[in-house]
Amino acid sequence: GHGWYAEYFIRHGARVTGIDRSERMVDIARQRLGKRARLIHGDVSERPMLSDGAFDLVVSPLVLH
């Protein structure tokens, strides 16, 4: 997405990885976050790094809409 949630979590000390299927959304998030987050363009179902236990928290607003 746009990186709103990522920015919030970064400000509160989190290391953030953002993943979006839309290249445009990744570009927008990159403009907002710069190098403060790892941002990936892709489909989460195709990422082997998303194995069980890879993350402590997943936030995915609008994914199920």
N, C-alpha and C. Protein backbone atom coordinates (compact mmCIF):
# COMPACT_ATOMS: atom_id res chain seq x y z
N GLY A 1 0.81 -1.19 0.00
CA GLY A 1 0.00 0.00 0.00
C GLY A 1 0.85 1.25 0.00
N HIS A 2 0.28 2.32 0.48
CA HIS A 2 0.91 3.64 0.48
C HIS A 2 2.02 3.79 1.50
N GLY A 3 2.10 2.91 2.46
CA GLY A 3 3.14 3.00 3.47
C GLY A 3 2.72 3.71 4.74
N TRP A 4 1.43 4.01 4.90
CA TRP A 4 0.96 4.70 6.10
C TRP A 4 1.23 3.88 7.36
N TYR A 5 0.83 2.62 7.32
CA TYR A 5 1.04 1.77 8.49
C TYR A 5 2.52 1.51 8.71
N ALA A 6 3.25 1.32 7.64
CA ALA A 6 4.69 1.09 7.76
C ALA A 6 5.36 2.28 8.45
N GLU A 7 4.98 3.48 8.06
CA GLU A 7 5.56 4.67 8.67
C GLU A 7 5.26 4.72 10.17
N TYR A 8 4.05 4.38 10.54
CA TYR A 8 3.67 4.35 11.96
C TYR A 8 4.55 3.35 12.72
N PHE A 9 4.67 2.16 12.20
CA PHE A 9 5.46 1.13 12.89
C PHE A 9 6.94 1.49 12.96
N ILE A 10 7.46 2.08 11.90
CA ILE A 10 8.86 2.51 11.90
C ILE A 10 9.08 3.55 12.99
N ARG A 11 8.17 4.51 13.10
CA ARG A 11 8.29 5.54 14.14
C ARG A 11 8.27 4.96 15.54
N HIS A 12 7.70 3.77 15.67
CA HIS A 12 7.62 3.12 16.98
C HIS A 12 8.65 2.00 17.13
N GLY A 13 9.69 2.03 16.29
CA GLY A 13 10.83 1.15 16.47
C GLY A 13 10.83 -0.18 15.74
N ALA A 14 9.87 -0.40 14.87
CA ALA A 14 9.79 -1.69 14.17
C ALA A 14 10.70 -1.70 12.93
N ARG A 15 11.17 -2.88 12.60
CA ARG A 15 11.80 -3.11 11.28
C ARG A 15 10.67 -3.57 10.37
N VAL A 16 10.54 -2.93 9.24
CA VAL A 16 9.36 -3.14 8.39
C VAL A 16 9.76 -3.69 7.03
N THR A 17 8.99 -4.69 6.59
CA THR A 17 9.05 -5.18 5.21
C THR A 17 7.67 -4.95 4.62
N GLY A 18 7.62 -4.23 3.52
CA GLY A 18 6.35 -3.97 2.84
C GLY A 18 6.32 -4.71 1.52
N ILE A 19 5.20 -5.36 1.25
CA ILE A 19 5.04 -6.13 0.02
C ILE A 19 3.72 -5.74 -0.62
N ASP A 20 3.75 -5.44 -1.90
CA ASP A 20 2.52 -5.11 -2.60
C ASP A 20 2.59 -5.65 -4.02
N ARG A 21 1.47 -6.08 -4.50
CA ARG A 21 1.39 -6.60 -5.85
C ARG A 21 1.43 -5.47 -6.89
N SER A 22 1.06 -4.27 -6.46
CA SER A 22 1.05 -3.12 -7.35
C SER A 22 2.39 -2.40 -7.31
N GLU A 23 3.04 -2.32 -8.45
CA GLU A 23 4.31 -1.61 -8.53
C GLU A 23 4.13 -0.13 -8.18
N ARG A 24 3.00 0.44 -8.56
CA ARG A 24 2.71 1.85 -8.25
C ARG A 24 2.64 2.07 -6.74
N MET A 25 2.00 1.16 -6.01
CA MET A 25 1.90 1.30 -4.56
C MET A 25 3.28 1.19 -3.91
N VAL A 26 4.12 0.31 -4.42
CA VAL A 26 5.48 0.19 -3.89
C VAL A 26 6.25 1.48 -4.14
N ASP A 27 6.07 2.08 -5.31
CA ASP A 27 6.73 3.35 -5.62
C ASP A 27 6.27 4.46 -4.66
N ILE A 28 4.98 4.52 -4.39
CA ILE A 28 4.44 5.52 -3.47
C ILE A 28 5.00 5.31 -2.06
N ALA A 29 5.03 4.05 -1.62
CA ALA A 29 5.58 3.74 -0.30
C ALA A 29 7.06 4.09 -0.24
N ARG A 30 7.77 3.83 -1.31
CA ARG A 30 9.21 4.14 -1.35
C ARG A 30 9.44 5.65 -1.25
N GLN A 31 8.59 6.44 -1.88
CA GLN A 31 8.71 7.89 -1.77
C GLN A 31 8.47 8.33 -0.32
N ARG A 32 7.54 7.70 0.35
CA ARG A 32 7.21 8.05 1.74
C ARG A 32 8.29 7.58 2.71
N LEU A 33 8.81 6.38 2.50
CA LEU A 33 9.67 5.74 3.50
C LEU A 33 11.15 5.78 3.18
N GLY A 34 11.50 6.03 1.93
CA GLY A 34 12.91 6.00 1.56
C GLY A 34 13.51 4.64 1.85
N LYS A 35 14.63 4.63 2.55
CA LYS A 35 15.32 3.37 2.86
C LYS A 35 15.02 2.88 4.27
N ARG A 36 14.00 3.45 4.90
CA ARG A 36 13.67 3.05 6.27
C ARG A 36 12.94 1.72 6.33
N ALA A 37 12.51 1.20 5.18
CA ALA A 37 11.80 -0.08 5.14
C ALA A 37 12.27 -0.88 3.93
N ARG A 38 12.16 -2.17 4.04
CA ARG A 38 12.42 -3.05 2.91
C ARG A 38 11.11 -3.17 2.14
N LEU A 39 11.10 -2.76 0.88
CA LEU A 39 9.88 -2.77 0.09
C LEU A 39 10.04 -3.69 -1.10
N ILE A 40 9.04 -4.54 -1.29
CA ILE A 40 9.10 -5.58 -2.32
C ILE A 40 7.87 -5.50 -3.20
N HIS A 41 8.08 -5.50 -4.50
CA HIS A 41 6.97 -5.61 -5.45
C HIS A 41 6.78 -7.09 -5.75
N GLY A 42 5.61 -7.62 -5.45
CA GLY A 42 5.37 -9.02 -5.73
C GLY A 42 4.12 -9.55 -5.06
N ASP A 43 3.88 -10.80 -5.29
CA ASP A 43 2.73 -11.52 -4.76
C ASP A 43 3.19 -12.33 -3.55
N VAL A 44 2.58 -12.12 -2.40
CA VAL A 44 3.04 -12.80 -1.18
C VAL A 44 2.97 -14.32 -1.29
N SER A 45 2.10 -14.83 -2.12
CA SER A 45 2.00 -16.29 -2.26
C SER A 45 3.19 -16.88 -3.01
N GLU A 46 3.99 -16.03 -3.66
CA GLU A 46 5.14 -16.49 -4.43
C GLU A 46 6.47 -16.21 -3.74
N ARG A 47 6.44 -15.82 -2.48
CA ARG A 47 7.66 -15.44 -1.76
C ARG A 47 8.04 -16.50 -0.73
N PRO A 48 9.14 -17.21 -0.99
CA PRO A 48 9.56 -18.24 -0.02
C PRO A 48 10.00 -17.65 1.32
N MET A 49 10.36 -16.36 1.36
CA MET A 49 10.78 -15.74 2.62
C MET A 49 9.61 -15.52 3.57
N LEU A 50 8.41 -15.78 3.12
CA LEU A 50 7.24 -15.62 3.96
C LEU A 50 6.84 -16.92 4.64
N SER A 51 7.83 -17.67 5.06
CA SER A 51 7.56 -18.94 5.73
C SER A 51 7.04 -18.68 7.14
N ASP A 52 6.51 -19.71 7.76
CA ASP A 52 6.02 -19.59 9.14
C ASP A 52 7.10 -19.03 10.04
N GLY A 53 6.73 -18.07 10.85
CA GLY A 53 7.67 -17.48 11.80
C GLY A 53 8.57 -16.41 11.23
N ALA A 54 8.40 -16.04 9.97
CA ALA A 54 9.27 -15.04 9.35
C ALA A 54 9.01 -13.63 9.91
N PHE A 55 7.78 -13.40 10.40
CA PHE A 55 7.40 -12.07 10.89
C PHE A 55 6.69 -12.19 12.22
N ASP A 56 6.83 -11.17 13.03
CA ASP A 56 6.12 -11.12 14.31
C ASP A 56 4.70 -10.62 14.16
N LEU A 57 4.46 -9.77 13.17
CA LEU A 57 3.15 -9.16 12.97
C LEU A 57 2.94 -8.93 11.48
N VAL A 58 1.74 -9.20 11.02
CA VAL A 58 1.37 -8.92 9.63
C VAL A 58 0.15 -8.00 9.65
N VAL A 59 0.27 -6.89 8.95
CA VAL A 59 -0.84 -5.94 8.81
C VAL A 59 -1.19 -5.91 7.34
N SER A 60 -2.44 -6.20 7.01
CA SER A 60 -2.81 -6.28 5.59
C SER A 60 -4.19 -5.69 5.35
N PRO A 61 -4.36 -4.39 5.59
CA PRO A 61 -5.67 -3.77 5.33
C PRO A 61 -6.02 -3.83 3.85
N LEU A 62 -7.28 -4.06 3.59
CA LEU A 62 -7.87 -4.10 2.25
C LEU A 62 -7.46 -5.32 1.42
N VAL A 63 -6.65 -6.21 1.95
CA VAL A 63 -6.25 -7.39 1.19
C VAL A 63 -7.45 -8.30 0.93
N LEU A 64 -8.33 -8.41 1.87
CA LEU A 64 -9.47 -9.31 1.71
C LEU A 64 -10.68 -8.66 1.05
N HIS A 65 -10.59 -7.39 0.75
CA HIS A 65 -11.72 -6.68 0.14
C HIS A 65 -11.86 -7.06 -1.30
